[in-house]
N, C-alpha and C. Protein backbone atom coordinates (compact mmCIF):
# COMPACT_ATOMS: atom_id res chain seq x y z
N UNK A 1 132.20 99.45 147.86
CA UNK A 1 131.88 100.31 146.83
C UNK A 1 132.57 101.17 146.58
N UNK A 2 133.34 102.26 147.43
CA UNK A 2 133.91 102.97 146.91
C UNK A 2 135.49 102.79 146.53
N UNK A 3 135.90 101.82 146.98
CA UNK A 3 137.22 100.99 146.20
C UNK A 3 136.74 100.57 144.61
N UNK A 4 135.77 100.25 144.74
CA UNK A 4 135.74 99.84 143.03
C UNK A 4 135.69 100.97 142.13
N UNK A 5 134.35 102.46 142.66
CA UNK A 5 134.77 103.19 141.99
C UNK A 5 135.95 104.18 142.30
N UNK A 6 136.87 103.95 142.80
CA UNK A 6 137.84 104.55 142.60
C UNK A 6 139.05 103.88 141.56
N UNK A 7 138.43 102.36 141.64
CA UNK A 7 139.43 101.38 140.69
C UNK A 7 138.84 101.95 139.13
N UNK A 8 137.81 102.12 138.95
CA UNK A 8 137.07 102.09 137.76
C UNK A 8 137.91 103.69 137.29
N UNK A 9 137.51 104.27 138.28
CA UNK A 9 137.68 105.59 137.76
C UNK A 9 139.69 106.07 136.93
N UNK A 10 139.97 104.90 137.98
CA UNK A 10 141.64 104.65 137.60
C UNK A 10 141.56 103.57 136.39
N UNK A 11 141.24 102.74 135.91
CA UNK A 11 141.16 102.49 135.12
C UNK A 11 140.69 103.43 133.47
N UNK A 12 139.54 104.29 133.82
CA UNK A 12 139.24 105.03 132.92
C UNK A 12 140.66 105.88 132.46
N UNK A 13 141.11 106.43 133.42
CA UNK A 13 142.10 107.86 133.76
C UNK A 13 143.42 106.56 132.78
N UNK A 14 143.59 105.44 132.91
CA UNK A 14 144.65 104.72 132.23
C UNK A 14 144.43 104.72 131.01
N UNK A 15 143.13 104.22 130.72
CA UNK A 15 142.21 103.96 129.16
C UNK A 15 142.52 105.11 128.44
N UNK A 16 142.17 106.77 128.93
CA UNK A 16 142.20 108.03 128.27
C UNK A 16 143.69 108.24 128.15
N UNK A 17 144.48 107.79 128.64
CA UNK A 17 146.47 107.93 128.63
C UNK A 17 146.53 107.09 127.40
N UNK A 18 146.11 106.23 127.38
CA UNK A 18 146.65 105.23 126.19
C UNK A 18 145.64 105.51 124.88
N UNK A 19 144.47 105.91 125.06
CA UNK A 19 144.27 106.89 123.45
C UNK A 19 144.66 108.01 123.23
N UNK A 20 145.21 108.83 123.93
CA UNK A 20 146.18 110.08 123.86
C UNK A 20 147.15 109.83 123.05
N UNK A 21 147.96 108.47 123.82
CA UNK A 21 149.49 108.29 123.47
C UNK A 21 149.40 107.80 122.13
N UNK A 22 148.14 106.84 121.90
CA UNK A 22 148.09 106.27 120.14
C UNK A 22 147.38 107.15 119.40
N UNK A 23 147.04 108.23 119.95
CA UNK A 23 146.69 109.69 118.72
C UNK A 23 147.65 110.05 118.55
N UNK A 24 148.80 110.39 119.32
CA UNK A 24 149.86 111.14 119.12
C UNK A 24 150.66 110.28 118.53
N UNK A 25 150.82 108.82 118.35
CA UNK A 25 151.34 107.80 117.87
C UNK A 25 151.27 108.09 116.24
N UNK A 26 149.50 108.00 115.98
CA UNK A 26 148.85 107.91 114.93
C UNK A 26 149.63 109.23 113.69
N UNK A 27 149.34 110.34 114.79
CA UNK A 27 149.72 111.94 114.13
C UNK A 27 151.10 111.53 113.63
N UNK A 28 151.88 111.15 114.79
CA UNK A 28 153.61 110.91 113.91
C UNK A 28 153.36 110.44 113.17
N UNK A 29 153.37 109.01 112.97
CA UNK A 29 153.19 108.36 111.74
C UNK A 29 152.69 108.94 110.48
N UNK A 30 151.43 109.52 110.78
CA UNK A 30 151.13 110.27 109.11
C UNK A 30 152.12 111.50 108.92
N UNK A 31 152.61 112.07 109.91
CA UNK A 31 153.78 113.08 109.85
C UNK A 31 154.83 112.42 108.88
N UNK A 32 155.25 111.19 109.57
CA UNK A 32 156.72 110.85 109.02
C UNK A 32 156.11 110.35 107.01
N UNK A 33 154.91 109.89 107.15
CA UNK A 33 154.58 109.32 105.77
C UNK A 33 154.50 110.40 104.81
N UNK A 34 153.47 111.65 105.60
CA UNK A 34 153.50 112.53 104.62
C UNK A 34 155.00 113.39 104.01
N UNK A 35 155.67 113.34 105.02
CA UNK A 35 157.34 113.64 104.87
C UNK A 35 157.75 113.02 103.80
N UNK A 36 157.96 111.71 103.63
CA UNK A 36 158.28 110.70 102.85
C UNK A 36 157.67 110.72 101.64
N UNK A 37 156.23 111.38 101.43
CA UNK A 37 155.57 111.60 100.04
C UNK A 37 156.50 112.55 99.40
N UNK A 38 156.23 113.54 100.43
CA UNK A 38 156.92 114.84 99.60
C UNK A 38 158.61 114.94 99.63
N UNK A 39 158.96 114.26 99.89
CA UNK A 39 160.78 113.70 99.90
C UNK A 39 160.85 113.46 98.54
N UNK A 40 159.82 112.16 98.21
CA UNK A 40 159.98 111.51 97.13
C UNK A 40 159.35 112.32 95.89
N UNK A 41 158.63 113.01 95.98
CA UNK A 41 157.77 113.86 94.81
C UNK A 41 158.28 115.08 94.80
N UNK A 42 158.67 115.87 95.80
CA UNK A 42 158.83 117.60 95.77
C UNK A 42 160.00 118.10 95.70
N UNK A 43 160.82 117.46 96.71
CA UNK A 43 161.89 118.00 97.30
C UNK A 43 163.22 118.27 96.52
N UNK A 44 162.93 117.81 95.25
CA UNK A 44 163.92 117.82 93.99
C UNK A 44 163.61 119.51 93.64
N UNK A 45 162.45 120.09 93.92
CA UNK A 45 161.94 121.29 93.61
C UNK A 45 162.11 122.55 95.02
N UNK A 46 161.33 121.65 95.82
CA UNK A 46 160.90 122.49 97.00
C UNK A 46 161.58 122.34 98.00
N UNK A 47 162.04 123.29 99.21
CA UNK A 47 162.37 122.75 100.49
C UNK A 47 161.20 122.41 101.04
N UNK A 48 160.78 121.38 101.79
CA UNK A 48 159.85 120.78 102.21
C UNK A 48 159.70 120.90 103.75
N UNK A 49 161.37 121.12 104.37
CA UNK A 49 161.14 120.91 106.04
C UNK A 49 160.81 122.79 106.41
N UNK A 50 160.88 122.63 107.52
CA UNK A 50 160.88 123.84 108.28
C UNK A 50 161.80 124.73 108.40
N UNK A 51 163.23 124.38 107.31
CA UNK A 51 163.74 125.26 107.00
C UNK A 51 164.85 125.01 105.55
N UNK A 52 165.45 125.81 105.41
CA UNK A 52 165.91 125.80 104.01
C UNK A 52 165.51 125.99 102.54
N UNK A 53 166.23 126.61 101.63
CA UNK A 53 165.90 126.85 100.42
C UNK A 53 165.54 125.95 99.30
N UNK A 54 164.31 126.62 98.52
CA UNK A 54 164.17 125.42 97.82
C UNK A 54 165.11 125.40 96.52
N UNK A 55 165.42 124.18 95.86
CA UNK A 55 166.23 123.93 94.46
C UNK A 55 165.91 124.83 93.69
N UNK A 56 164.75 125.05 93.11
CA UNK A 56 163.84 125.16 92.12
C UNK A 56 163.69 127.10 92.20
N UNK A 57 164.20 127.88 91.67
CA UNK A 57 163.96 129.62 91.94
C UNK A 57 162.37 129.71 91.88
N UNK A 58 161.51 129.21 91.16
CA UNK A 58 160.24 129.18 91.54
C UNK A 58 159.25 128.25 92.45
N UNK A 59 159.87 127.59 93.25
CA UNK A 59 159.32 126.59 94.27
C UNK A 59 159.42 127.23 95.18
N UNK A 60 158.37 127.53 95.56
CA UNK A 60 158.90 128.21 97.41
C UNK A 60 158.41 126.79 98.32
N UNK A 61 159.39 127.25 99.39
CA UNK A 61 159.28 126.29 100.16
C UNK A 61 157.66 126.13 100.80
N UNK A 62 157.88 124.97 101.30
CA UNK A 62 156.40 124.53 101.79
C UNK A 62 156.27 125.05 102.99
N UNK A 63 157.03 126.00 104.21
CA UNK A 63 156.58 126.24 105.03
C UNK A 63 155.80 127.57 104.58
N UNK A 64 156.25 128.15 103.69
CA UNK A 64 155.82 129.48 103.09
C UNK A 64 154.53 129.18 102.83
N UNK A 65 154.15 128.20 101.57
CA UNK A 65 152.76 127.75 101.34
C UNK A 65 151.83 127.82 102.12
N UNK A 66 152.27 126.96 103.33
CA UNK A 66 151.31 126.62 104.62
C UNK A 66 151.17 128.01 105.46
N UNK A 67 151.77 128.83 104.96
CA UNK A 67 151.65 130.41 105.73
C UNK A 67 150.25 131.22 104.77
N UNK A 68 150.25 130.71 103.70
CA UNK A 68 149.21 131.38 102.85
C UNK A 68 148.00 130.55 102.42
N UNK A 69 148.31 129.31 102.54
CA UNK A 69 146.94 128.37 102.77
C UNK A 69 147.03 127.20 103.47
N UNK A 70 146.04 127.14 104.79
CA UNK A 70 145.70 126.26 105.17
C UNK A 70 146.05 125.07 104.96
N UNK A 71 146.56 124.02 105.21
CA UNK A 71 146.64 122.74 104.61
C UNK A 71 145.64 121.94 104.50
N UNK A 72 144.84 122.29 105.18
CA UNK A 72 143.31 121.28 104.60
C UNK A 72 142.55 121.97 103.80
N UNK A 73 143.04 123.33 103.16
CA UNK A 73 142.51 123.71 101.58
C UNK A 73 142.97 123.34 100.79
N UNK A 74 144.28 122.47 100.52
CA UNK A 74 144.92 121.96 99.91
C UNK A 74 144.42 120.31 99.73
N UNK A 75 143.83 120.06 100.61
CA UNK A 75 143.43 118.34 100.61
C UNK A 75 142.62 118.08 98.98
N UNK A 76 141.88 119.01 98.44
CA UNK A 76 140.79 118.67 97.20
C UNK A 76 142.40 119.04 95.74
N UNK A 77 143.00 119.79 96.33
CA UNK A 77 143.74 119.79 95.14
C UNK A 77 145.04 118.48 94.83
N UNK A 78 145.38 118.15 96.19
CA UNK A 78 146.15 117.08 96.06
C UNK A 78 145.42 116.15 95.68
N UNK A 79 144.09 115.41 95.87
CA UNK A 79 143.69 114.61 95.25
C UNK A 79 143.19 114.46 94.08
N UNK A 80 142.75 115.67 93.35
CA UNK A 80 142.08 116.06 91.97
C UNK A 80 143.36 115.80 90.96
N UNK A 81 144.63 116.40 91.39
CA UNK A 81 145.45 116.97 90.73
C UNK A 81 146.19 118.19 90.87
N UNK A 82 147.35 118.22 91.54
CA UNK A 82 148.11 119.45 91.68
C UNK A 82 148.54 120.03 90.50
N UNK A 83 148.51 121.04 89.91
CA UNK A 83 149.26 121.87 88.89
C UNK A 83 149.63 122.92 89.52
N UNK A 84 150.51 123.51 88.69
CA UNK A 84 151.24 124.88 88.95
C UNK A 84 151.68 125.82 88.02
N UNK A 85 151.87 126.79 88.30
CA UNK A 85 151.70 127.93 87.11
C UNK A 85 153.15 127.78 86.37
N UNK A 86 154.27 127.42 87.28
CA UNK A 86 155.34 127.28 86.00
C UNK A 86 155.35 125.79 85.23
N UNK A 87 155.74 125.96 84.18
CA UNK A 87 155.53 124.74 83.29
C UNK A 87 156.44 123.24 83.43
N UNK A 88 157.45 123.55 84.22
CA UNK A 88 158.33 122.68 84.57
C UNK A 88 157.97 121.47 86.00
N UNK A 89 156.69 122.09 86.23
CA UNK A 89 156.40 120.90 87.37
C UNK A 89 155.15 119.96 86.89
N UNK A 90 155.69 118.79 87.42
CA UNK A 90 154.75 117.34 87.08
C UNK A 90 153.06 117.69 87.39
N UNK A 91 152.37 117.30 87.01
CA UNK A 91 150.99 117.17 87.81
C UNK A 91 151.35 115.95 88.67
N UNK A 92 150.61 116.22 89.92
CA UNK A 92 150.27 115.25 90.86
C UNK A 92 149.35 114.97 91.24
N UNK A 93 148.84 113.43 91.71
CA UNK A 93 147.54 113.26 92.28
C UNK A 93 147.71 112.17 93.21
N UNK A 94 147.04 112.21 94.55
CA UNK A 94 147.64 111.44 95.53
C UNK A 94 146.63 110.66 95.77
N UNK A 95 146.57 109.50 96.41
CA UNK A 95 145.73 108.82 97.22
C UNK A 95 145.30 109.14 98.60
N UNK A 96 143.35 109.05 98.73
CA UNK A 96 142.90 110.06 99.92
C UNK A 96 144.07 109.81 101.21
N UNK A 97 144.37 108.31 101.34
CA UNK A 97 145.48 108.48 102.61
C UNK A 97 146.57 108.85 102.47
N UNK A 98 147.17 109.10 101.08
CA UNK A 98 148.57 109.86 101.14
C UNK A 98 147.95 111.57 101.44
N UNK A 99 146.65 112.08 100.78
CA UNK A 99 146.31 113.22 101.27
C UNK A 99 146.45 113.60 102.60
N UNK A 100 145.82 112.62 103.14
CA UNK A 100 145.64 112.92 104.77
C UNK A 100 147.12 112.81 105.06
N UNK A 101 148.11 112.00 104.84
CA UNK A 101 149.23 111.99 105.73
C UNK A 101 150.13 113.58 105.40
N UNK A 102 150.03 113.83 103.84
CA UNK A 102 150.51 115.28 103.54
C UNK A 102 150.10 116.04 104.14
N UNK A 103 148.58 116.63 103.93
CA UNK A 103 148.09 117.71 104.97
C UNK A 103 148.33 117.43 106.68
N UNK A 104 148.49 116.41 106.99
CA UNK A 104 148.82 116.40 108.28
C UNK A 104 150.43 116.73 108.94
N UNK A 105 151.36 116.34 107.74
CA UNK A 105 152.74 116.90 107.67
C UNK A 105 152.52 118.29 107.97
N UNK A 106 152.01 118.85 106.37
CA UNK A 106 152.23 120.40 106.08
C UNK A 106 151.71 120.96 107.48
N UNK A 107 150.48 120.57 108.07
CA UNK A 107 150.12 120.97 109.05
C UNK A 107 151.10 121.27 110.63
N UNK A 108 152.21 120.22 110.29
CA UNK A 108 153.13 120.41 111.50
C UNK A 108 154.36 121.48 111.14
N UNK A 109 154.19 122.00 109.74
CA UNK A 109 154.95 123.28 109.72
C UNK A 109 154.63 124.77 109.87
N UNK A 110 153.18 124.21 110.41
CA UNK A 110 152.26 125.72 110.28
C UNK A 110 152.95 126.13 111.83
N UNK A 111 153.36 127.47 111.51
CA UNK A 111 153.76 128.12 113.10
C UNK A 111 152.68 128.09 114.06
N UNK A 112 152.67 127.75 115.38
CA UNK A 112 152.00 128.09 116.37
C UNK A 112 151.27 129.54 116.76
N UNK A 113 150.16 130.21 116.64
CA UNK A 113 150.11 131.43 116.57
C UNK A 113 150.43 131.51 118.30
N UNK A 114 151.05 132.84 118.61
CA UNK A 114 151.20 133.43 119.72
C UNK A 114 150.20 133.79 120.62
N UNK A 115 150.46 132.98 121.85
CA UNK A 115 149.48 133.21 122.59
C UNK A 115 149.86 134.46 123.62
N UNK A 116 148.28 134.77 123.98
CA UNK A 116 148.32 136.10 125.02
C UNK A 116 149.07 135.91 126.19
N UNK A 117 149.45 136.80 126.30
CA UNK A 117 150.55 136.73 127.86
C UNK A 117 149.98 137.33 128.73
């Protein structure tokens, strides 16, 4: 009986590791998709990565945008039509799965809060 309990516990542990690995893989896939969408639609004006300057003087780097607005707060604007104050920015509307990928990518740009020492 004890051997069976140990075997079941081991199986559950292995399954939980697989779930964590799958979740990390899913997140990495979303981050890559979000990056690709922003590269295709936004990089001609905005710096979309963790470093670099924007090509358009009025287009803030996305790492600055996410320091002002949590990525999840941008989801509605991305889905309904993202417009900006400067006149040469086109309106963008993204599909729900694209919004999820973009907000996941933008979340990857958000710096981790300092942990207490």
